[in-house]
Protein backbone atom coordinates (compact mmCIF):
# COMPACT_ATOMS: atom_id res chain seq x y z
CA MET A 1 28.17 91.19 -73.10
CA ARG A 2 24.52 91.08 -72.38
CA HIS A 3 23.15 89.09 -69.47
CA ARG A 4 19.88 87.29 -69.90
CA LEU A 5 17.36 87.98 -67.24
CA THR A 6 15.27 85.11 -66.05
CA SER A 7 11.56 85.37 -65.51
CA LEU A 8 12.23 85.49 -61.82
CA TRP A 9 13.82 88.83 -61.98
CA LEU A 10 11.10 90.02 -64.28
CA LEU A 11 8.67 89.53 -61.41
CA GLY A 12 10.66 91.89 -59.26
CA PRO A 13 12.69 91.65 -56.12
CA GLY A 14 9.66 91.81 -53.82
CA THR A 15 8.22 88.70 -55.32
CA VAL A 16 11.39 86.75 -54.61
CA LEU A 17 11.29 87.78 -50.98
CA LEU A 18 7.71 86.67 -50.71
CA ALA A 19 8.51 83.32 -52.19
CA LEU A 20 11.31 82.81 -49.69
CA MET A 21 9.00 83.71 -46.84
CA LEU A 22 6.37 81.30 -48.06
CA GLY A 23 8.98 78.60 -48.31
CA SER A 24 9.98 79.05 -44.68
CA CYS A 25 6.38 78.46 -43.57
CA ALA A 26 5.77 75.40 -45.70
CA LYS A 27 4.26 72.37 -43.81
CA VAL A 28 6.23 69.21 -43.93
CA ASP A 29 4.28 66.04 -43.28
CA VAL A 30 6.26 63.42 -41.40
CA ASP A 31 4.82 59.96 -40.96
CA GLU A 32 4.80 58.99 -37.26
CA GLU A 33 6.64 55.80 -36.49
CA VAL A 34 4.48 53.47 -34.40
CA ILE A 35 6.53 51.28 -32.10
CA THR A 36 4.84 48.17 -30.79
CA GLN A 37 6.62 46.41 -27.95
CA THR A 38 5.63 42.88 -27.14
CA TYR A 39 6.41 40.93 -23.98
CA ASP A 40 6.93 37.25 -23.58
CA ASP A 41 4.38 35.40 -21.48
CA PRO A 42 5.45 35.09 -17.83
CA ILE A 43 7.22 31.89 -16.96
CA VAL A 44 5.06 29.60 -14.83
CA TYR A 45 6.86 27.11 -12.63
CA GLU A 46 4.86 24.07 -11.62
CA VAL A 47 5.51 22.91 -8.06
CA ASP A 48 5.10 19.21 -7.37
CA CYS A 49 4.10 19.17 -3.71
CA ALA A 50 3.75 15.41 -3.83
CA ALA A 51 7.54 15.24 -3.90
CA LEU A 52 7.68 16.41 -0.26
CA THR A 53 7.57 13.35 2.00
CA LEU A 54 8.25 12.56 5.64
CA GLU A 55 9.69 9.64 7.54
CA SER A 56 9.06 9.92 11.28
CA PHE A 57 10.35 8.04 14.33
CA SER A 58 9.79 7.97 18.08
CA THR A 59 11.33 6.52 21.22
CA ALA A 60 9.33 5.54 24.25
CA ASP A 61 8.75 7.46 27.46
CA ASN A 62 10.05 5.66 30.53
CA GLY A 63 7.43 7.26 32.75
CA LEU A 64 9.36 10.46 33.42
CA GLY A 65 8.64 12.28 30.18
CA THR A 66 11.67 11.04 28.24
CA GLY A 67 9.95 10.37 24.91
CA LEU A 68 11.40 11.57 21.60
CA VAL A 69 9.86 12.29 18.21
CA GLU A 70 11.82 12.98 15.03
CA THR A 71 10.97 13.44 11.36
CA MET A 72 13.10 13.51 8.20
CA ALA A 73 11.80 15.56 5.26
CA THR A 74 12.86 14.75 1.69
CA GLY A 75 11.91 16.36 -1.61
CA GLY A 76 10.28 19.74 -1.88
CA THR A 77 12.37 22.89 -1.64
CA PRO A 78 14.40 23.45 1.55
CA PRO A 79 14.56 25.01 4.05
CA TYR A 80 11.73 23.33 5.93
CA ALA A 81 9.59 24.69 8.77
CA TYR A 82 8.46 22.23 11.45
CA GLU A 83 5.59 22.30 13.94
CA TRP A 84 4.85 19.47 16.36
CA ALA A 85 1.59 19.31 18.33
CA ASP A 86 0.25 16.91 20.95
CA SER A 87 -3.22 15.33 21.01
CA THR A 88 -4.78 18.55 22.33
CA GLY A 89 -3.34 20.67 19.52
CA ALA A 90 -0.80 22.37 21.76
CA VAL A 91 2.50 23.09 20.00
CA VAL A 92 5.38 21.19 21.63
CA GLY A 93 8.25 21.88 19.22
CA LEU A 94 9.40 23.76 16.11
CA THR A 95 12.36 21.63 15.05
CA SER A 96 12.75 18.28 13.32
CA SER A 97 13.32 16.57 16.70
CA VAL A 98 11.52 17.13 20.01
CA PHE A 99 12.67 15.68 23.33
CA ASN A 100 11.24 15.18 26.83
CA LEU A 101 7.76 14.06 25.78
CA THR A 102 5.24 11.97 27.64
CA ALA A 103 3.50 9.00 26.07
CA GLY A 104 0.88 9.77 23.43
CA PRO A 105 0.37 10.72 19.78
CA TYR A 106 2.20 13.67 18.21
CA THR A 107 1.54 15.26 14.82
CA VAL A 108 4.13 17.13 12.77
CA ASP A 109 3.39 19.63 9.99
CA VAL A 110 6.31 20.35 7.65
CA THR A 111 6.24 23.23 5.13
CA ASP A 112 8.93 23.90 2.54
CA SER A 113 10.04 27.29 1.19
CA LEU A 114 7.48 27.20 -1.67
CA GLY A 115 4.54 26.56 0.66
CA CYS A 116 4.13 22.82 0.10
CA SER A 117 3.16 21.07 3.33
CA VAL A 118 2.77 17.52 4.57
CA SER A 119 1.79 15.99 7.93
CA ASP A 120 2.60 12.83 9.83
CA THR A 121 1.60 11.38 13.21
CA VAL A 122 3.75 9.19 15.46
CA GLU A 123 3.05 7.56 18.77
CA VAL A 124 5.35 7.82 21.78
CA GLY A 125 5.00 4.58 23.68
CA LEU A 126 5.36 3.99 27.38
CA GLU A 127 8.08 1.68 28.70
CA LEU A 128 8.17 2.02 32.44
CA SER A 129 11.59 1.54 33.95
CA ILE A 130 10.80 2.99 37.35
CA GLU A 131 10.73 0.78 40.38
CA GLY A 132 7.24 1.20 41.73
CA GLU A 133 3.59 0.26 41.52
CA VAL A 134 1.67 1.07 38.34
CA ILE A 135 -2.04 1.80 38.20
CA ILE A 136 -3.88 2.85 35.05
CA LEU A 137 -6.71 5.36 34.99
CA PHE A 138 -9.29 4.55 32.29
CA VAL A 139 -10.88 7.95 31.69
CA THR A 140 -14.06 7.95 29.60
CA SER A 141 -15.05 11.47 28.54
CA ASN A 142 -18.56 12.20 27.28
CA ALA A 143 -17.71 15.88 26.78
CA PRO A 144 -17.99 17.23 23.21
CA GLU A 145 -14.41 18.56 23.20
CA ALA A 146 -11.07 18.23 24.96
CA THR A 147 -11.52 18.53 28.71
CA GLN A 148 -9.07 19.61 31.39
CA LEU A 149 -8.64 16.92 34.01
CA ILE A 150 -7.00 17.53 37.38
CA VAL A 151 -6.01 14.40 39.29
CA GLN A 152 -4.49 14.23 42.76
CA THR A 153 -3.24 11.10 44.46
CA GLU A 154 -2.07 10.19 47.92
CA PRO A 155 0.70 9.15 47.88
CA SER A 156 1.97 11.28 44.99
CA VAL A 157 2.75 9.75 41.61
CA PHE A 158 6.17 9.86 40.00
CA ASN A 159 5.57 10.25 36.34
CA TYR A 160 2.46 12.14 35.27
CA PRO A 161 1.44 15.82 35.64
CA TYR A 162 -1.56 16.45 37.83
CA THR A 163 -3.25 18.53 35.13
CA THR A 164 -3.81 17.11 31.66
CA PHE A 165 -6.28 17.24 28.80
CA VAL A 166 -8.35 14.30 27.63
CA GLU A 167 -10.14 13.97 24.31
CA PRO A 168 -13.71 12.67 23.96
CA GLY A 169 -13.74 8.90 24.28
CA LEU A 170 -11.36 6.67 26.22
CA THR A 171 -7.95 7.82 27.48
CA GLU A 172 -5.53 5.61 29.39
CA ILE A 173 -3.32 7.39 31.93
CA PRO A 174 -0.64 5.29 33.66
CA TYR A 175 0.44 6.42 37.12
CA VAL A 176 3.56 5.17 38.86
CA LEU A 177 3.43 5.12 42.64
CA PRO A 178 6.18 4.45 45.16
CA GLU A 179 7.21 0.83 45.42
CA ASN A 180 5.15 -1.36 47.76
CA THR A 181 2.21 1.08 47.82
CA VAL A 182 -0.66 -0.96 49.19
CA GLU A 183 -3.32 1.77 49.06
CA VAL A 184 -3.82 4.99 47.10
CA GLU A 185 -6.54 7.64 47.13
CA VAL A 186 -7.43 9.31 43.80
CA THR A 187 -9.44 12.54 43.61
CA TYR A 188 -10.22 14.41 40.43
CA THR A 189 -12.09 17.34 38.90
CA TRP A 190 -12.76 18.20 35.25
CA SER A 191 -13.77 21.24 33.26
CA CYS A 192 -17.10 21.90 31.58
CA GLY A 193 -16.45 25.17 29.82
CA ASN A 194 -15.33 27.51 32.59
CA VAL A 195 -16.90 25.42 35.37
CA PHE A 196 -15.08 22.60 37.15
CA GLN A 197 -16.99 19.53 38.28
CA PRO A 198 -15.70 17.51 41.25
CA GLY A 199 -15.56 13.74 41.11
CA PRO A 200 -15.67 11.31 44.03
CA THR A 201 -12.60 10.10 45.89
CA ILE A 202 -11.57 6.63 44.76
CA THR A 203 -9.60 4.38 47.11
CA VAL A 204 -7.57 1.62 45.51
CA SER A 205 -6.20 -1.10 47.78
CA GLY A 206 -4.01 -4.07 47.02
CA GLU A 207 -5.81 -7.35 47.55
CA GLY A 208 -4.84 -9.10 50.77
CA GLY A 209 -2.39 -6.35 51.69
CA TYR A 210 -0.42 -6.73 48.48
CA PRO A 211 0.78 -3.67 46.47
CA VAL A 212 -1.72 -1.96 44.18
CA GLY A 213 0.36 -2.50 41.04
CA GLY A 214 -1.69 -3.49 38.02
CA ALA A 215 -4.95 -1.93 39.23
CA PHE A 216 -7.35 -0.42 36.66
CA VAL A 217 -9.24 2.65 37.85
CA PRO A 218 -12.32 3.62 35.79
CA ILE A 219 -13.29 7.31 35.69
CA ILE A 220 -16.26 8.75 33.77
CA ILE A 221 -16.52 12.48 33.11
CA GLY A 222 -18.85 14.55 30.96
CA CYS A 223 -20.64 17.86 30.50
């Protein structure tokens, strides 16, 4: 039986080897797959700060620094941070309620956990329940800013610290003296920057030997 030779063999064995070698080096083009990844837009939460509201209360000082201020926050996003300040800006409390306050205005700033904030101001009144004689200092300050005022009395007063701060304008300071006080001497100094200015001594006497209760004592200070 005769075998038919193909044209491949007619080219010779070396040619076959060359063809195989060329085939192993052939370039194969592969299309690159382009992957495009898209992201959703970030979610934006709108915060309604107007929803944060306060309702504040106070109870009066009886002359011994017994006043109370309290606020109730609603709306917003708890927890809340509280900061109470007096009329000079000094911080007097960091909770919703503050005790042992003297008469005067107090401002609370409340901030929720998302940064919304709201303020409110309440007044602590004065309801004297001490047996004694009451005089009121009417302090008029012409200074451009809060001024430190140091007041000393003889005899000593019951209810008010000797050192306080007064804002520009008129400030009323009630002093409670021992019962049946018929005469009191008031001396005072005030600050102008880092310099203290002395005021005159004021003597207040009850008319006809009566107690001094109800007397109004005008004081003018300025820088």
